Amino acid sequence: EVRNLAEALGERAASAVAEKVTDATHRLSEYAKQGGGPGLIAAATGAQRMAAGDSPMKAMIHAGMAGGKEKVMSALGRRTEPTGGGSRKIKVTNIVETVDVGVPVRVAYDQWTQFGDFPSFMKKVENADTESDEKLVWKAQVFWSHRTWESTIVRQIPDRLIHWRSKGDKGSVDGTVSFHELTPNLTRILVVLEYHPQGLFEHTGNLWRAQGRRVRLELKHFVRHVMTRTVLDPDSVTGWRGEIRDSQVVKDHDTAVREEQEHEQRIEEGPEHPEEERPGERPRRARAEVGARR
């Protein structure tokens, strides 16, 4: 009976302690979410593990991992500031790269618009699916993980620029690529990106600007592809010649190609109606010819 009484008292005491720990954990978690810092997050994590029945040593290990992760994320810039509609990121990565390629602007632009070819010559781009003229779905490799995001082309003008915005669960990239003629057979490509990292891998890579180096390397792959493949038969590359404004297609590819062909035909044929001679011009020419013969 004494042993049963002791066990009952022990179970009651353990239950009371568990309720207190759970209540304290809830308060610590709420305070930590409001900016209490890594120490409180670690304490809340350890308390939760103990309440779940883990040993103090195991709970301490989990608490250290949680606090360490939070410190790493804080050091990497994943901090938010409250706004009226929730929280807003206060740090993005700006990437600006240029590269020159020895082909005319039209050839460089047409090859760039062949997004489905990117995985064949770029190292980390795994897939590029075109859902519509203005929407694409990308899949790429980040370290040993894979990321998927959706891009919407906001503005696209043939042979000049492409501007897009993206959204994804693990970060997104907004940017513009523009094409500039240096000489008739030399084009400069300017790429300006705004990278919004999300997730541990993205923030860790962002610490030593791995994304900027990756963009620089992929641009070199593009130049290599153009100068070893495209330059051999530039007429075989059929780019998308349509026009997009405010994320809406204002001119489709077929219409743009037809207008370009009609324009080239008019140039080859020359003026349709020669300039009419003014009254009195022919008699003067005739008199001049007569005088020359005399």
Protein backbone atom coordinates (compact mmCIF):
# COMPACT_ATOMS: atom_id res chain seq x y z
CA GLU A 1 0.00 0.00 0.00
CA VAL A 2 2.83 2.36 0.84
CA ARG A 3 4.44 1.58 -2.53
CA ASN A 4 1.17 2.21 -4.39
CA LEU A 5 0.71 5.48 -2.51
CA ALA A 6 4.22 6.59 -3.47
CA GLU A 7 3.63 5.76 -7.13
CA ALA A 8 0.35 7.68 -7.15
CA LEU A 9 1.98 10.71 -5.54
CA GLY A 10 4.83 10.54 -8.07
CA GLU A 11 2.47 10.38 -11.04
CA ARG A 12 0.49 13.33 -9.68
CA ALA A 13 3.64 15.37 -9.17
CA ALA A 14 4.91 14.50 -12.67
CA SER A 15 1.57 15.50 -14.18
CA ALA A 16 1.63 18.84 -12.38
CA VAL A 17 5.20 19.51 -13.52
CA ALA A 18 4.31 18.61 -17.12
CA GLU A 19 1.37 21.03 -17.08
CA LYS A 20 3.57 23.81 -15.74
CA VAL A 21 6.29 23.08 -18.29
CA THR A 22 3.75 23.06 -21.14
CA ASP A 23 2.29 26.38 -19.99
CA ALA A 24 5.76 27.92 -19.67
CA THR A 25 6.72 26.56 -23.07
CA HIS A 26 3.68 28.20 -24.65
CA ARG A 27 4.54 31.55 -23.09
CA LEU A 28 8.20 31.27 -24.09
CA SER A 29 7.29 30.33 -27.66
CA GLU A 30 4.94 33.27 -28.05
CA TYR A 31 7.53 35.65 -26.63
CA ALA A 32 10.26 34.21 -28.83
CA LYS A 33 8.12 34.59 -31.96
CA GLN A 34 7.68 38.26 -31.07
CA GLY A 35 11.44 38.82 -31.11
CA GLY A 36 12.65 37.29 -27.88
CA GLY A 37 15.82 35.97 -29.52
CA PRO A 38 17.65 32.68 -30.04
CA GLY A 39 18.09 32.00 -26.30
CA LEU A 40 14.38 31.93 -25.66
CA ILE A 41 13.74 29.81 -28.74
CA ALA A 42 16.29 27.30 -27.46
CA ALA A 43 14.69 27.30 -24.00
CA ALA A 44 11.24 26.78 -25.49
CA THR A 45 12.50 23.94 -27.66
CA GLY A 46 14.17 22.22 -24.72
CA ALA A 47 11.08 22.57 -22.57
CA GLN A 48 8.92 21.09 -25.32
CA ARG A 49 11.21 18.10 -25.63
CA MET A 50 11.16 17.50 -21.87
CA ALA A 51 7.38 17.81 -21.80
CA ALA A 52 7.24 15.19 -24.55
CA GLY A 53 9.13 12.78 -22.30
CA ASP A 54 12.71 13.12 -23.59
CA SER A 55 15.65 12.95 -21.24
CA PRO A 56 17.24 16.21 -20.06
CA MET A 57 20.37 15.49 -22.12
CA LYS A 58 18.37 14.92 -25.32
CA ALA A 59 16.25 17.99 -24.67
CA MET A 60 19.42 20.06 -24.16
CA ILE A 61 20.82 18.86 -27.51
CA HIS A 62 17.63 19.82 -29.36
CA ALA A 63 17.59 23.18 -27.59
CA GLY A 64 21.16 23.87 -28.65
CA MET A 65 20.38 22.97 -32.27
CA ALA A 66 17.33 25.25 -32.33
CA GLY A 67 19.19 28.15 -30.79
CA GLY A 68 22.16 27.66 -33.08
CA LYS A 69 19.96 27.58 -36.16
CA GLU A 70 18.23 30.76 -35.12
CA LYS A 71 21.58 32.46 -34.55
CA VAL A 72 22.76 31.35 -37.99
CA MET A 73 19.59 32.63 -39.65
CA SER A 74 19.90 35.91 -37.80
CA ALA A 75 23.53 36.28 -38.83
CA LEU A 76 22.65 35.50 -42.44
CA GLY A 77 20.16 38.34 -42.56
CA ARG A 78 16.86 36.49 -42.30
CA ARG A 79 15.32 39.15 -40.13
CA THR A 80 11.94 40.72 -40.52
CA GLU A 81 10.34 43.87 -39.33
CA PRO A 82 6.62 44.10 -38.52
CA THR A 83 4.34 46.01 -40.83
CA GLY A 84 0.62 46.57 -41.00
CA GLY A 85 0.07 43.45 -43.08
CA GLY A 86 2.49 41.09 -41.30
CA SER A 87 6.25 41.01 -41.71
CA ARG A 88 8.52 42.30 -44.45
CA LYS A 89 11.99 41.15 -45.42
CA ILE A 90 14.61 43.85 -45.08
CA LYS A 91 17.37 42.23 -47.12
CA VAL A 92 17.70 41.15 -50.74
CA THR A 93 20.70 40.35 -52.91
CA ASN A 94 21.41 42.51 -55.94
CA ILE A 95 23.27 40.82 -58.80
CA VAL A 96 24.55 42.76 -61.82
CA GLU A 97 26.49 40.97 -64.56
CA THR A 98 27.46 41.75 -68.16
CA VAL A 99 28.82 39.55 -70.91
CA ASP A 100 29.70 40.14 -74.57
CA VAL A 101 28.89 37.66 -77.31
CA GLY A 102 30.11 37.83 -80.90
CA VAL A 103 26.79 37.70 -82.77
CA PRO A 104 24.23 40.33 -83.85
CA VAL A 105 21.64 41.49 -81.33
CA ARG A 106 18.83 39.57 -83.02
CA VAL A 107 20.71 36.26 -82.85
CA ALA A 108 21.58 36.74 -79.16
CA TYR A 109 18.02 37.73 -78.30
CA ASP A 110 16.43 34.88 -80.27
CA GLN A 111 18.67 32.30 -78.61
CA TRP A 112 17.89 33.72 -75.15
CA THR A 113 14.15 33.39 -75.72
CA GLN A 114 14.60 29.64 -76.28
CA PHE A 115 14.16 28.97 -72.56
CA GLY A 116 13.59 25.27 -73.12
CA ASP A 117 17.20 24.94 -74.35
CA PHE A 118 18.71 26.31 -71.11
CA PRO A 119 19.00 22.91 -69.36
CA SER A 120 21.04 21.57 -72.29
CA PHE A 121 23.96 23.97 -71.74
CA MET A 122 23.48 25.50 -68.27
CA LYS A 123 24.77 23.45 -65.35
CA LYS A 124 22.22 24.07 -62.58
CA VAL A 125 19.05 24.68 -64.62
CA GLU A 126 17.22 21.36 -64.69
CA ASN A 127 13.96 22.25 -66.41
CA ALA A 128 12.14 25.21 -67.98
CA ASP A 129 8.49 24.66 -68.90
CA THR A 130 6.52 27.31 -70.80
CA GLU A 131 2.94 27.41 -69.57
CA SER A 132 2.04 30.38 -71.77
CA ASP A 133 3.82 33.18 -73.63
CA GLU A 134 4.24 35.13 -70.39
CA LYS A 135 4.49 32.37 -67.74
CA LEU A 136 7.27 29.85 -67.14
CA VAL A 137 8.02 27.26 -64.47
CA TRP A 138 11.67 26.71 -63.59
CA LYS A 139 13.46 23.96 -61.71
CA ALA A 140 17.08 24.32 -60.62
CA GLN A 141 19.57 22.73 -58.26
CA VAL A 142 20.73 24.56 -55.12
CA PHE A 143 23.58 22.64 -53.48
CA TRP A 144 22.11 19.11 -53.26
CA SER A 145 18.50 20.32 -53.09
CA HIS A 146 16.10 21.26 -55.87
CA ARG A 147 14.02 24.41 -56.13
CA THR A 148 10.99 25.23 -58.27
CA TRP A 149 9.56 28.68 -58.96
CA GLU A 150 7.20 30.42 -61.38
CA SER A 151 8.17 33.45 -63.46
CA THR A 152 5.86 35.96 -65.09
CA ILE A 153 7.22 38.17 -67.86
CA VAL A 154 6.07 41.71 -67.20
CA ARG A 155 7.61 43.39 -70.24
CA GLN A 156 9.28 41.99 -73.33
CA ILE A 157 10.41 43.98 -76.37
CA PRO A 158 12.16 42.09 -79.17
CA ASP A 159 15.92 42.65 -79.42
CA ARG A 160 15.81 45.03 -76.45
CA LEU A 161 14.82 43.59 -73.05
CA ILE A 162 12.91 41.04 -71.00
CA HIS A 163 11.68 41.94 -67.51
CA TRP A 164 10.12 39.36 -65.19
CA ARG A 165 8.95 38.70 -61.64
CA SER A 166 8.94 35.37 -59.82
CA LYS A 167 7.42 33.60 -56.84
CA GLY A 168 8.47 30.41 -55.09
CA ASP A 169 8.36 28.65 -51.73
CA LYS A 170 12.15 28.68 -51.33
CA GLY A 171 13.05 32.09 -52.72
CA SER A 172 12.48 33.97 -55.96
CA VAL A 173 14.39 36.02 -58.53
CA ASP A 174 13.12 39.21 -60.17
CA GLY A 175 15.16 40.83 -62.89
CA THR A 176 15.78 42.25 -66.34
CA VAL A 177 18.01 41.14 -69.19
CA SER A 178 18.75 43.70 -71.91
CA PHE A 179 20.61 43.47 -75.21
CA HIS A 180 22.89 46.25 -76.54
CA GLU A 181 24.57 46.43 -79.94
CA LEU A 182 28.26 47.31 -79.67
CA THR A 183 29.03 46.55 -83.33
CA PRO A 184 26.95 44.79 -86.01
CA ASN A 185 28.45 41.46 -84.88
CA LEU A 186 29.01 42.10 -81.17
CA THR A 187 26.28 42.26 -78.52
CA ARG A 188 26.50 43.11 -74.83
CA ILE A 189 24.03 41.35 -72.53
CA LEU A 190 23.25 43.08 -69.22
CA VAL A 191 21.60 41.03 -66.47
CA VAL A 192 20.24 42.74 -63.34
CA LEU A 193 18.70 40.44 -60.70
CA GLU A 194 17.01 40.96 -57.34
CA TYR A 195 17.33 37.72 -55.40
CA HIS A 196 15.03 37.04 -52.44
CA PRO A 197 16.52 34.08 -50.51
CA GLN A 198 14.39 31.83 -48.30
CA GLY A 199 15.56 28.75 -46.49
CA LEU A 200 18.79 27.71 -44.81
CA PHE A 201 20.63 26.70 -48.00
CA GLU A 202 19.75 29.96 -49.75
CA HIS A 203 20.84 32.13 -46.83
CA THR A 204 24.01 30.13 -46.33
CA GLY A 205 24.95 30.48 -50.00
CA ASN A 206 24.07 34.15 -49.83
CA LEU A 207 26.69 34.61 -47.10
CA TRP A 208 29.55 34.29 -49.61
CA ARG A 209 27.62 35.51 -52.68
CA ALA A 210 27.39 32.08 -54.26
CA GLN A 211 24.36 33.16 -56.32
CA GLY A 212 26.30 35.95 -58.05
CA ARG A 213 29.08 33.56 -59.03
CA ARG A 214 26.51 31.07 -60.28
CA VAL A 215 24.88 33.70 -62.52
CA ARG A 216 28.29 34.68 -63.89
CA LEU A 217 29.11 31.06 -64.68
CA GLU A 218 25.76 30.38 -66.35
CA LEU A 219 26.22 33.45 -68.57
CA LYS A 220 29.57 32.03 -69.69
CA HIS A 221 27.79 28.78 -70.54
CA PHE A 222 25.34 30.79 -72.65
CA VAL A 223 28.17 32.52 -74.53
CA ARG A 224 29.92 29.19 -75.08
CA HIS A 225 26.72 27.69 -76.51
CA VAL A 226 26.14 30.65 -78.85
CA MET A 227 29.75 30.78 -80.09
CA THR A 228 30.07 27.02 -80.63
CA ARG A 229 26.57 26.04 -81.79
CA THR A 230 24.33 28.97 -82.68
CA VAL A 231 26.97 30.86 -84.68
CA LEU A 232 27.28 27.90 -87.09
CA ASP A 233 23.68 28.29 -88.26
CA PRO A 234 22.12 31.46 -86.81
CA ASP A 235 19.15 31.34 -89.20
CA SER A 236 17.99 28.08 -87.60
CA VAL A 237 17.29 29.81 -84.28
CA THR A 238 13.69 30.97 -84.17
CA GLY A 239 13.15 33.22 -81.18
CA TRP A 240 9.86 34.44 -79.79
CA ARG A 241 9.26 37.76 -81.57
CA GLY A 242 6.09 38.81 -79.76
CA GLU A 243 5.68 41.74 -77.38
CA ILE A 244 4.48 41.80 -73.76
CA ARG A 245 3.44 44.83 -71.72
CA ASP A 246 2.05 44.80 -68.17
CA SER A 247 2.17 40.97 -68.17
CA GLN A 248 -0.16 40.84 -71.17
CA VAL A 249 0.70 39.73 -74.70
CA VAL A 250 -0.02 42.76 -76.91
CA LYS A 251 1.47 41.17 -80.05
CA ASP A 252 1.84 37.43 -80.56
CA HIS A 253 4.72 35.73 -82.32
CA ASP A 254 2.95 35.05 -85.63
CA THR A 255 1.75 38.63 -85.98
CA ALA A 256 5.20 40.02 -85.22
CA VAL A 257 6.88 37.70 -87.76
CA ARG A 258 4.35 38.62 -90.45
CA GLU A 259 4.87 42.35 -89.87
CA GLU A 260 8.64 41.91 -90.03
CA GLN A 261 8.40 40.03 -93.33
CA GLU A 262 6.11 42.67 -94.82
CA HIS A 263 8.49 45.40 -93.72
CA GLU A 264 11.50 43.65 -95.28
CA GLN A 265 9.55 43.10 -98.50
CA ARG A 266 8.67 46.79 -98.75
CA ILE A 267 12.32 47.72 -98.28
CA GLU A 268 13.42 45.33 -101.03
CA GLU A 269 10.79 46.53 -103.49
CA GLY A 270 11.51 50.19 -102.87
CA PRO A 271 8.95 53.02 -103.12
CA GLU A 272 5.65 51.93 -104.63
CA HIS A 273 5.02 55.22 -106.46
CA PRO A 274 7.99 57.13 -107.95
CA GLU A 275 8.01 60.80 -107.34
CA GLU A 276 5.88 62.56 -109.96
CA GLU A 277 7.50 65.18 -112.10
CA ARG A 278 6.45 68.71 -111.49
CA PRO A 279 4.70 70.61 -114.31
CA GLY A 280 7.18 72.13 -116.73
CA GLU A 281 10.03 69.85 -115.67
CA ARG A 282 10.02 67.66 -118.81
CA PRO A 283 10.13 70.55 -121.32
CA ARG A 284 13.13 72.03 -119.50
CA ARG A 285 14.89 68.66 -119.61
CA ALA A 286 14.08 68.32 -123.28
CA ARG A 287 15.47 71.80 -124.04
CA ALA A 288 18.57 70.96 -122.05
CA GLU A 289 19.07 67.75 -124.04
CA VAL A 290 18.61 69.61 -127.32
CA GLY A 291 21.12 72.21 -126.26
CA ALA A 292 23.59 69.51 -125.28
CA ARG A 293 23.27 67.84 -128.67
CA ARG A 294 23.87 71.15 -130.41
